[in-house]
Amino acid sequence: MERYVPIKGHSDFVRDEKTGMIMNINKNKARRQKILIDEKRKEREEIDELKSDVQEIKAMLQQLLENGRNG
């Protein structure tokens, strides 16, 4: 008996009858999707780091301004 059953309307996916898990059988497409997910994660990390840097710069500028007024 065949272990993998095609998913109707989705030629890249099959269901494992034993576990019920759906799997992508198009290796190239799955690999490209993983690369895209990794790139988006890296972009998000870079944006978060830039936001943090801007907050630090703002805090330092604020401190300089306050020291200038009090000095």
PDB file of N, CA and C in Angstrom:
ATOM      1  N   MET A   1       0.838  -1.193   0.000  1.00  0.00           N
ATOM      2  CA  MET A   1       0.000   0.000   0.000  1.00  0.00           C
ATOM      3  C   MET A   1       0.876   1.246   0.000  1.00  0.00           C
ATOM      4  N   GLU A   2       0.491   2.225  -0.790  1.00  0.00           N
ATOM      5  CA  GLU A   2       1.228   3.487  -0.878  1.00  0.00           C
ATOM      6  C   GLU A   2       1.095   4.249   0.434  1.00  0.00           C
ATOM      7  N   ARG A   3       2.218   4.722   0.964  1.00  0.00           N
ATOM      8  CA  ARG A   3       2.230   5.431   2.243  1.00  0.00           C
ATOM      9  C   ARG A   3       1.838   6.893   2.100  1.00  0.00           C
ATOM     10  N   TYR A   4       2.136   7.506   0.952  1.00  0.00           N
ATOM     11  CA  TYR A   4       1.870   8.924   0.742  1.00  0.00           C
ATOM     12  C   TYR A   4       0.695   9.119  -0.210  1.00  0.00           C
ATOM     13  N   VAL A   5      -0.241   9.971   0.194  1.00  0.00           N
ATOM     14  CA  VAL A   5      -1.434  10.239  -0.602  1.00  0.00           C
ATOM     15  C   VAL A   5      -1.369  11.685  -1.087  1.00  0.00           C
ATOM     16  N   PRO A   6      -1.527  11.914  -2.388  1.00  0.00           N
ATOM     17  CA  PRO A   6      -1.501  13.287  -2.906  1.00  0.00           C
ATOM     18  C   PRO A   6      -2.649  14.117  -2.305  1.00  0.00           C
ATOM     19  N   ILE A   7      -2.396  15.404  -2.115  1.00  0.00           N
ATOM     20  CA  ILE A   7      -3.412  16.331  -1.629  1.00  0.00           C
ATOM     21  C   ILE A   7      -4.077  16.942  -2.862  1.00  0.00           C
ATOM     22  N   LYS A   8      -5.383  16.795  -2.974  1.00  0.00           N
ATOM     23  CA  LYS A   8      -6.104  17.323  -4.132  1.00  0.00           C
ATOM     24  C   LYS A   8      -5.937  18.832  -4.232  1.00  0.00           C
ATOM     25  N   GLY A   9      -5.609  19.294  -5.444  1.00  0.00           N
ATOM     26  CA  GLY A   9      -5.451  20.717  -5.695  1.00  0.00           C
ATOM     27  C   GLY A   9      -4.104  21.281  -5.274  1.00  0.00           C
ATOM     28  N   HIS A  10      -3.235  20.437  -4.720  1.00  0.00           N
ATOM     29  CA  HIS A  10      -1.911  20.880  -4.265  1.00  0.00           C
ATOM     30  C   HIS A  10      -0.882  19.836  -4.703  1.00  0.00           C
ATOM     31  N   SER A  11      -0.365  20.003  -5.907  1.00  0.00           N
ATOM     32  CA  SER A  11       0.518  18.992  -6.486  1.00  0.00           C
ATOM     33  C   SER A  11       1.856  18.853  -5.755  1.00  0.00           C
ATOM     34  N   ASP A  12       2.237  19.858  -4.970  1.00  0.00           N
ATOM     35  CA  ASP A  12       3.523  19.804  -4.265  1.00  0.00           C
ATOM     36  C   ASP A  12       3.426  19.132  -2.895  1.00  0.00           C
ATOM     37  N   PHE A  13       2.212  18.745  -2.470  1.00  0.00           N
ATOM     38  CA  PHE A  13       2.033  18.220  -1.124  1.00  0.00           C
ATOM     39  C   PHE A  13       1.432  16.820  -1.128  1.00  0.00           C
ATOM     40  N   VAL A  14       1.884  16.021  -0.142  1.00  0.00           N
ATOM     41  CA  VAL A  14       1.328  14.686   0.079  1.00  0.00           C
ATOM     42  C   VAL A  14       1.081  14.517   1.575  1.00  0.00           C
ATOM     43  N   ARG A  15       0.187  13.601   1.908  1.00  0.00           N
ATOM     44  CA  ARG A  15      -0.074  13.279   3.309  1.00  0.00           C
ATOM     45  C   ARG A  15       0.498  11.901   3.600  1.00  0.00           C
ATOM     46  N   ASP A  16       1.239  11.803   4.696  1.00  0.00           N
ATOM     47  CA  ASP A  16       1.772  10.531   5.161  1.00  0.00           C
ATOM     48  C   ASP A  16       0.623   9.815   5.875  1.00  0.00           C
ATOM     49  N   GLU A  17       0.186   8.686   5.335  1.00  0.00           N
ATOM     50  CA  GLU A  17      -0.962   7.971   5.913  1.00  0.00           C
ATOM     51  C   GLU A  17      -0.671   7.465   7.319  1.00  0.00           C
ATOM     52  N   LYS A  18       0.572   7.160   7.603  1.00  0.00           N
ATOM     53  CA  LYS A  18       0.917   6.615   8.913  1.00  0.00           C
ATOM     54  C   LYS A  18       0.846   7.677  10.019  1.00  0.00           C
ATOM     55  N   THR A  19       1.396   8.885   9.725  1.00  0.00           N
ATOM     56  CA  THR A  19       1.453   9.925  10.747  1.00  0.00           C
ATOM     57  C   THR A  19       0.412  11.022  10.567  1.00  0.00           C
ATOM     58  N   GLY A  20      -0.144  11.129   9.363  1.00  0.00           N
ATOM     59  CA  GLY A  20      -1.091  12.203   9.061  1.00  0.00           C
ATOM     60  C   GLY A  20      -0.410  13.510   8.698  1.00  0.00           C
ATOM     61  N   MET A  21       0.916  13.528   8.711  1.00  0.00           N
ATOM     62  CA  MET A  21       1.683  14.735   8.433  1.00  0.00           C
ATOM     63  C   MET A  21       1.609  15.082   6.951  1.00  0.00           C
ATOM     64  N   ILE A  22       1.482  16.380   6.668  1.00  0.00           N
ATOM     65  CA  ILE A  22       1.507  16.859   5.290  1.00  0.00           C
ATOM     66  C   ILE A  22       2.931  17.293   4.978  1.00  0.00           C
ATOM     67  N   MET A  23       3.437  16.841   3.831  1.00  0.00           N
ATOM     68  CA  MET A  23       4.820  17.135   3.459  1.00  0.00           C
ATOM     69  C   MET A  23       4.878  17.778   2.080  1.00  0.00           C
ATOM     70  N   ASN A  24       5.839  18.683   1.922  1.00  0.00           N
ATOM     71  CA  ASN A  24       6.110  19.305   0.639  1.00  0.00           C
ATOM     72  C   ASN A  24       7.103  18.406  -0.089  1.00  0.00           C
ATOM     73  N   ILE A  25       6.721  17.921  -1.251  1.00  0.00           N
ATOM     74  CA  ILE A  25       7.607  17.026  -1.998  1.00  0.00           C
ATOM     75  C   ILE A  25       8.397  17.763  -3.075  1.00  0.00           C
ATOM     76  N   ASN A  26       8.143  19.056  -3.230  1.00  0.00           N
ATOM     77  CA  ASN A  26       8.893  19.873  -4.177  1.00  0.00           C
ATOM     78  C   ASN A  26      10.095  20.446  -3.429  1.00  0.00           C
ATOM     79  N   LYS A  27      11.220  19.772  -3.498  1.00  0.00           N
ATOM     80  CA  LYS A  27      12.406  20.134  -2.711  1.00  0.00           C
ATOM     81  C   LYS A  27      12.922  21.530  -3.043  1.00  0.00           C
ATOM     82  N   ASN A  28      12.947  21.887  -4.331  1.00  0.00           N
ATOM     83  CA  ASN A  28      13.443  23.207  -4.721  1.00  0.00           C
ATOM     84  C   ASN A  28      12.564  24.319  -4.163  1.00  0.00           C
ATOM     85  N   LYS A  29      11.267  24.140  -4.266  1.00  0.00           N
ATOM     86  CA  LYS A  29      10.338  25.145  -3.758  1.00  0.00           C
ATOM     87  C   LYS A  29      10.445  25.256  -2.240  1.00  0.00           C
ATOM     88  N   ALA A  30      10.574  24.144  -1.564  1.00  0.00           N
ATOM     89  CA  ALA A  30      10.709  24.147  -0.106  1.00  0.00           C
ATOM     90  C   ALA A  30      12.018  24.827   0.300  1.00  0.00           C
ATOM     91  N   ARG A  31      13.088  24.575  -0.425  1.00  0.00           N
ATOM     92  CA  ARG A  31      14.386  25.183  -0.134  1.00  0.00           C
ATOM     93  C   ARG A  31      14.320  26.696  -0.330  1.00  0.00           C
ATOM     94  N   ARG A  32      13.688  27.139  -1.427  1.00  0.00           N
ATOM     95  CA  ARG A  32      13.536  28.581  -1.673  1.00  0.00           C
ATOM     96  C   ARG A  32      12.706  29.237  -0.571  1.00  0.00           C
ATOM     97  N   GLN A  33      11.664  28.556  -0.126  1.00  0.00           N
ATOM     98  CA  GLN A  33      10.820  29.091   0.938  1.00  0.00           C
ATOM     99  C   GLN A  33      11.611  29.234   2.232  1.00  0.00           C
ATOM    100  N   LYS A  34      12.443  28.256   2.538  1.00  0.00           N
ATOM    101  CA  LYS A  34      13.271  28.329   3.755  1.00  0.00           C
ATOM    102  C   LYS A  34      14.244  29.490   3.672  1.00  0.00           C
ATOM    103  N   ILE A  35      14.853  29.692   2.505  1.00  0.00           N
ATOM    104  CA  ILE A  35      15.779  30.807   2.308  1.00  0.00           C
ATOM    105  C   ILE A  35      15.043  32.129   2.495  1.00  0.00           C
ATOM    106  N   LEU A  36      13.850  32.234   1.938  1.00  0.00           N
ATOM    107  CA  LEU A  36      13.049  33.452   2.068  1.00  0.00           C
ATOM    108  C   LEU A  36      12.707  33.728   3.531  1.00  0.00           C
ATOM    109  N   ILE A  37      12.321  32.701   4.258  1.00  0.00           N
ATOM    110  CA  ILE A  37      12.002  32.846   5.684  1.00  0.00           C
ATOM    111  C   ILE A  37      13.233  33.304   6.455  1.00  0.00           C
ATOM    112  N   ASP A  38      14.394  32.711   6.164  1.00  0.00           N
ATOM    113  CA  ASP A  38      15.644  33.099   6.832  1.00  0.00           C
ATOM    114  C   ASP A  38      16.006  34.558   6.536  1.00  0.00           C
ATOM    115  N   GLU A  39      15.827  34.976   5.265  1.00  0.00           N
ATOM    116  CA  GLU A  39      16.138  36.352   4.893  1.00  0.00           C
ATOM    117  C   GLU A  39      15.220  37.330   5.615  1.00  0.00           C
ATOM    118  N   LYS A  40      13.942  37.010   5.708  1.00  0.00           N
ATOM    119  CA  LYS A  40      12.995  37.880   6.408  1.00  0.00           C
ATOM    120  C   LYS A  40      13.329  37.963   7.899  1.00  0.00           C
ATOM    121  N   ARG A  41      13.742  36.846   8.494  1.00  0.00           N
ATOM    122  CA  ARG A  41      14.130  36.846   9.905  1.00  0.00           C
ATOM    123  C   ARG A  41      15.339  37.745  10.119  1.00  0.00           C
ATOM    124  N   LYS A  42      16.330  37.650   9.230  1.00  0.00           N
ATOM    125  CA  LYS A  42      17.521  38.480   9.343  1.00  0.00           C
ATOM    126  C   LYS A  42      17.170  39.962   9.187  1.00  0.00           C
ATOM    127  N   GLU A  43      16.296  40.271   8.242  1.00  0.00           N
ATOM    128  CA  GLU A  43      15.858  41.655   8.058  1.00  0.00           C
ATOM    129  C   GLU A  43      15.172  42.177   9.318  1.00  0.00           C
ATOM    130  N   ARG A  44      14.324  41.365   9.912  1.00  0.00           N
ATOM    131  CA  ARG A  44      13.612  41.759  11.131  1.00  0.00           C
ATOM    132  C   ARG A  44      14.610  42.010  12.258  1.00  0.00           C
ATOM    133  N   GLU A  45      15.616  41.144  12.383  1.00  0.00           N
ATOM    134  CA  GLU A  45      16.639  41.328  13.414  1.00  0.00           C
ATOM    135  C   GLU A  45      17.416  42.621  13.187  1.00  0.00           C
ATOM    136  N   GLU A  46      17.748  42.919  11.920  1.00  0.00           N
ATOM    137  CA  GLU A  46      18.462  44.152  11.603  1.00  0.00           C
ATOM    138  C   GLU A  46      17.614  45.378  11.942  1.00  0.00           C
ATOM    139  N   ILE A  47      16.341  45.327  11.603  1.00  0.00           N
ATOM    140  CA  ILE A  47      15.440  46.440  11.910  1.00  0.00           C
ATOM    141  C   ILE A  47      15.329  46.634  13.418  1.00  0.00           C
ATOM    142  N   ASP A  48      15.188  45.547  14.157  1.00  0.00           N
ATOM    143  CA  ASP A  48      15.105  45.642  15.612  1.00  0.00           C
ATOM    144  C   ASP A  48      16.381  46.235  16.202  1.00  0.00           C
ATOM    145  N   GLU A  49      17.532  45.842  15.649  1.00  0.00           N
ATOM    146  CA  GLU A  49      18.807  46.378  16.131  1.00  0.00           C
ATOM    147  C   GLU A  49      18.911  47.872  15.825  1.00  0.00           C
ATOM    148  N   LEU A  50      18.480  48.277  14.631  1.00  0.00           N
ATOM    149  CA  LEU A  50      18.500  49.694  14.273  1.00  0.00           C
ATOM    150  C   LEU A  50      17.582  50.505  15.184  1.00  0.00           C
ATOM    151  N   LYS A  51      16.416  49.969  15.490  1.00  0.00           N
ATOM    152  CA  LYS A  51      15.502  50.654  16.405  1.00  0.00           C
ATOM    153  C   LYS A  51      16.150  50.839  17.771  1.00  0.00           C
ATOM    154  N   SER A  52      16.813  49.811  18.239  1.00  0.00           N
ATOM    155  CA  SER A  52      17.494  49.884  19.527  1.00  0.00           C
ATOM    156  C   SER A  52      18.599  50.935  19.494  1.00  0.00           C
ATOM    157  N   ASP A  53      19.369  50.964  18.409  1.00  0.00           N
ATOM    158  CA  ASP A  53      20.436  51.952  18.267  1.00  0.00           C
ATOM    159  C   ASP A  53      19.873  53.373  18.267  1.00  0.00           C
ATOM    160  N   VAL A  54      18.778  53.582  17.566  1.00  0.00           N
ATOM    161  CA  VAL A  54      18.157  54.907  17.515  1.00  0.00           C
ATOM    162  C   VAL A  54      17.692  55.320  18.906  1.00  0.00           C
ATOM    163  N   GLN A  55      17.124  54.398  19.650  1.00  0.00           N
ATOM    164  CA  GLN A  55      16.690  54.709  21.017  1.00  0.00           C
ATOM    165  C   GLN A  55      17.879  55.107  21.888  1.00  0.00           C
ATOM    166  N   GLU A  56      18.982  54.410  21.745  1.00  0.00           N
ATOM    167  CA  GLU A  56      20.187  54.750  22.506  1.00  0.00           C
ATOM    168  C   GLU A  56      20.700  56.137  22.131  1.00  0.00           C
ATOM    169  N   ILE A  57      20.719  56.433  20.844  1.00  0.00           N
ATOM    170  CA  ILE A  57      21.189  57.741  20.373  1.00  0.00           C
ATOM    171  C   ILE A  57      20.277  58.844  20.910  1.00  0.00           C
ATOM    172  N   LYS A  58      18.977  58.614  20.876  1.00  0.00           N
ATOM    173  CA  LYS A  58      18.035  59.594  21.397  1.00  0.00           C
ATOM    174  C   LYS A  58      18.276  59.844  22.882  1.00  0.00           C
ATOM    175  N   ALA A  59      18.512  58.793  23.627  1.00  0.00           N
ATOM    176  CA  ALA A  59      18.752  58.925  25.062  1.00  0.00           C
ATOM    177  C   ALA A  59      20.042  59.703  25.315  1.00  0.00           C
ATOM    178  N   MET A  60      21.078  59.434  24.534  1.00  0.00           N
ATOM    179  CA  MET A  60      22.340  60.152  24.702  1.00  0.00           C
ATOM    180  C   MET A  60      22.175  61.631  24.350  1.00  0.00           C
ATOM    181  N   LEU A  61      21.448  61.922  23.281  1.00  0.00           N
ATOM    182  CA  LEU A  61      21.209  63.315  22.896  1.00  0.00           C
ATOM    183  C   LEU A  61      20.414  64.047  23.974  1.00  0.00           C
ATOM    184  N   GLN A  62      19.425  63.378  24.498  1.00  0.00           N
ATOM    185  CA  GLN A  62      18.627  63.962  25.570  1.00  0.00           C
ATOM    186  C   GLN A  62      19.502  64.289  26.781  1.00  0.00           C
ATOM    187  N   GLN A  63      20.384  63.378  27.107  1.00  0.00           N
ATOM    188  CA  GLN A  63      21.297  63.581  28.243  1.00  0.00           C
ATOM    189  C   GLN A  63      22.233  64.758  27.974  1.00  0.00           C
ATOM    190  N   LEU A  64      22.743  64.853  26.749  1.00  0.00           N
ATOM    191  CA  LEU A  64      23.618  65.978  26.388  1.00  0.00           C
ATOM    192  C   LEU A  64      22.873  67.304  26.488  1.00  0.00           C
ATOM    193  N   LEU A  65      21.645  67.319  26.017  1.00  0.00           N
ATOM    194  CA  LEU A  65      20.834  68.533  26.100  1.00  0.00           C
ATOM    195  C   LEU A  65      20.582  68.941  27.543  1.00  0.00           C
ATOM    196  N   GLU A  66      20.274  67.971  28.376  1.00  0.00           N
ATOM    197  CA  GLU A  66      20.028  68.261  29.788  1.00  0.00           C
ATOM    198  C   GLU A  66      21.302  68.743  30.472  1.00  0.00           C
ATOM    199  N   ASN A  67      22.430  68.156  30.153  1.00  0.00           N
ATOM    200  CA  ASN A  67      23.702  68.575  30.754  1.00  0.00           C
ATOM    201  C   ASN A  67      24.068  69.990  30.297  1.00  0.00           C
ATOM    202  N   GLY A  68      23.741  70.335  29.056  1.00  0.00           N
ATOM    203  CA  GLY A  68      24.009  71.673  28.527  1.00  0.00           C
ATOM    204  C   GLY A  68      23.172  72.733  29.223  1.00  0.00           C
ATOM    205  N   ARG A  69      21.942  72.398  29.568  1.00  0.00           N
ATOM    206  CA  ARG A  69      21.063  73.341  30.256  1.00  0.00           C
ATOM    207  C   ARG A  69      21.493  73.541  31.704  1.00  0.00           C
ATOM    208  N   ASN A  70      21.996  72.471  32.311  1.00  0.00           N
ATOM    209  CA  ASN A  70      22.360  72.527  33.729  1.00  0.00           C
ATOM    210  C   ASN A  70      23.803  72.961  33.946  1.00  0.00           C
ATOM    211  N   GLY A  71      24.585  72.985  32.897  1.00  0.00           N
ATOM    212  CA  GLY A  71      26.006  73.226  33.049  1.00  0.00           C
ATOM    213  C   GLY A  71      26.346  74.642  32.935  1.00  0.00           C
TER     214      GLY A  71
END
